[in-house]
Amino acid sequence: MNVQGKVTKVWNRNNSKNGNPTWEIELEGIGVFKTPTDAGWVYAYTWRDLVGKTVYVEAHRPRTNWIMHELRVAG
């Protein structure tokens, strides 16, 4: 699934057992997306600065949560 939306909330979730951060973002009117466990690309963003920005997300839903494969800031 590929979506574009405005980030309304950002949460820092518990780190993985390897110590890597896990994040969640909420896209206005679309839903909540989580980063995968131990994904190195999460270090490329200052996550709290994404609030109010438009982003492109590529994700899949293996069970109940949307898991991001890629995130790009628009503009």
C-alpha atoms as a PDB file:
ATOM      1  CA  MET A   1       0.000   0.000   0.000  1.00  0.00           C
ATOM      2  CA  ASN A   2       1.297   3.433  -0.919  1.00  0.00           C
ATOM      3  CA  VAL A   3      -0.254   6.471   0.763  1.00  0.00           C
ATOM      4  CA  GLN A   4       0.365  10.170   1.099  1.00  0.00           C
ATOM      5  CA  GLY A   5      -0.815  12.145   4.098  1.00  0.00           C
ATOM      6  CA  LYS A   6      -0.173  14.769   6.722  1.00  0.00           C
ATOM      7  CA  VAL A   7       1.500  13.583   9.930  1.00  0.00           C
ATOM      8  CA  THR A   8      -0.650  14.487  12.936  1.00  0.00           C
ATOM      9  CA  LYS A   9       1.087  12.526  15.721  1.00  0.00           C
ATOM     10  CA  VAL A  10       4.413  10.805  16.346  1.00  0.00           C
ATOM     11  CA  TRP A  11       5.152   8.282  19.097  1.00  0.00           C
ATOM     12  CA  ASN A  12       8.468   6.794  20.167  1.00  0.00           C
ATOM     13  CA  ARG A  13       7.759   3.202  21.132  1.00  0.00           C
ATOM     14  CA  ASN A  14       9.958   0.834  23.104  1.00  0.00           C
ATOM     15  CA  ASN A  15      13.353   0.098  21.617  1.00  0.00           C
ATOM     16  CA  SER A  16      13.937  -3.355  20.192  1.00  0.00           C
ATOM     17  CA  LYS A  17      15.884  -5.922  22.200  1.00  0.00           C
ATOM     18  CA  ASN A  18      18.902  -4.796  20.145  1.00  0.00           C
ATOM     19  CA  GLY A  19      18.419  -1.200  21.319  1.00  0.00           C
ATOM     20  CA  ASN A  20      17.105   0.252  18.056  1.00  0.00           C
ATOM     21  CA  PRO A  21      14.227   2.746  18.157  1.00  0.00           C
ATOM     22  CA  THR A  22      10.710   1.990  16.954  1.00  0.00           C
ATOM     23  CA  TRP A  23       8.384   4.795  15.881  1.00  0.00           C
ATOM     24  CA  GLU A  24       4.714   5.226  15.013  1.00  0.00           C
ATOM     25  CA  ILE A  25       3.122   8.013  13.020  1.00  0.00           C
ATOM     26  CA  GLU A  26      -0.497   8.895  12.470  1.00  0.00           C
ATOM     27  CA  LEU A  27      -1.530  10.174   9.058  1.00  0.00           C
ATOM     28  CA  GLU A  28      -4.570  12.433   9.085  1.00  0.00           C
ATOM     29  CA  GLY A  29      -7.686  10.497   8.070  1.00  0.00           C
ATOM     30  CA  ILE A  30      -5.686   7.393   7.076  1.00  0.00           C
ATOM     31  CA  GLY A  31      -4.346   5.610  10.151  1.00  0.00           C
ATOM     32  CA  VAL A  32      -1.307   4.675  12.215  1.00  0.00           C
ATOM     33  CA  PHE A  33       1.915   3.267  10.726  1.00  0.00           C
ATOM     34  CA  LYS A  34       4.798   1.628  12.621  1.00  0.00           C
ATOM     35  CA  THR A  35       8.444   1.254  11.714  1.00  0.00           C
ATOM     36  CA  PRO A  36       9.755  -2.311  11.508  1.00  0.00           C
ATOM     37  CA  THR A  37      11.921  -3.710  14.279  1.00  0.00           C
ATOM     38  CA  ASP A  38      15.643  -2.978  13.852  1.00  0.00           C
ATOM     39  CA  ALA A  39      15.176  -0.923  10.658  1.00  0.00           C
ATOM     40  CA  GLY A  40      18.296   1.158  10.053  1.00  0.00           C
ATOM     41  CA  TRP A  41      16.521   3.782   7.951  1.00  0.00           C
ATOM     42  CA  VAL A  42      14.691   5.162  11.018  1.00  0.00           C
ATOM     43  CA  TYR A  43      17.889   7.012  11.955  1.00  0.00           C
ATOM     44  CA  ALA A  44      17.552   9.180   8.821  1.00  0.00           C
ATOM     45  CA  TYR A  45      14.711  11.241  10.320  1.00  0.00           C
ATOM     46  CA  THR A  46      14.111  13.508  13.274  1.00  0.00           C
ATOM     47  CA  TRP A  47      10.714  11.959  13.858  1.00  0.00           C
ATOM     48  CA  ARG A  48       9.116  14.616  16.039  1.00  0.00           C
ATOM     49  CA  ASP A  49       9.846  17.203  13.322  1.00  0.00           C
ATOM     50  CA  LEU A  50       7.544  15.316  10.927  1.00  0.00           C
ATOM     51  CA  VAL A  51       4.370  16.555  12.661  1.00  0.00           C
ATOM     52  CA  GLY A  52       2.501  18.813  10.242  1.00  0.00           C
ATOM     53  CA  LYS A  53       4.470  17.652   7.200  1.00  0.00           C
ATOM     54  CA  THR A  54       3.179  15.668   4.249  1.00  0.00           C
ATOM     55  CA  VAL A  55       4.858  12.293   3.768  1.00  0.00           C
ATOM     56  CA  TYR A  56       4.710   9.366   1.379  1.00  0.00           C
ATOM     57  CA  VAL A  57       4.556   5.940   3.039  1.00  0.00           C
ATOM     58  CA  GLU A  58       4.964   2.485   1.549  1.00  0.00           C
ATOM     59  CA  ALA A  59       3.572  -0.112   3.960  1.00  0.00           C
ATOM     60  CA  HIS A  60       2.025  -3.539   4.341  1.00  0.00           C
ATOM     61  CA  ARG A  61      -0.348  -5.013   6.901  1.00  0.00           C
ATOM     62  CA  PRO A  62       0.708  -8.528   7.928  1.00  0.00           C
ATOM     63  CA  ARG A  63      -1.785  -8.706  10.801  1.00  0.00           C
ATOM     64  CA  THR A  64      -3.413  -5.736  12.538  1.00  0.00           C
ATOM     65  CA  ASN A  65      -0.741  -3.010  12.272  1.00  0.00           C
ATOM     66  CA  TRP A  66       0.521  -1.157   9.211  1.00  0.00           C
ATOM     67  CA  ILE A  67       4.312  -1.623   8.947  1.00  0.00           C
ATOM     68  CA  MET A  68       6.279   1.002   6.978  1.00  0.00           C
ATOM     69  CA  HIS A  69       8.889  -0.097   4.446  1.00  0.00           C
ATOM     70  CA  GLU A  70       9.708   3.401   3.289  1.00  0.00           C
ATOM     71  CA  LEU A  71       8.975   6.964   4.309  1.00  0.00           C
ATOM     72  CA  ARG A  72       9.682  10.074   2.231  1.00  0.00           C
ATOM     73  CA  VAL A  73       8.961  13.679   3.145  1.00  0.00           C
ATOM     74  CA  ALA A  74       7.126  15.577   0.390  1.00  0.00           C
ATOM     75  CA  GLY A  75       8.665  18.661  -1.101  1.00  0.00           C
END
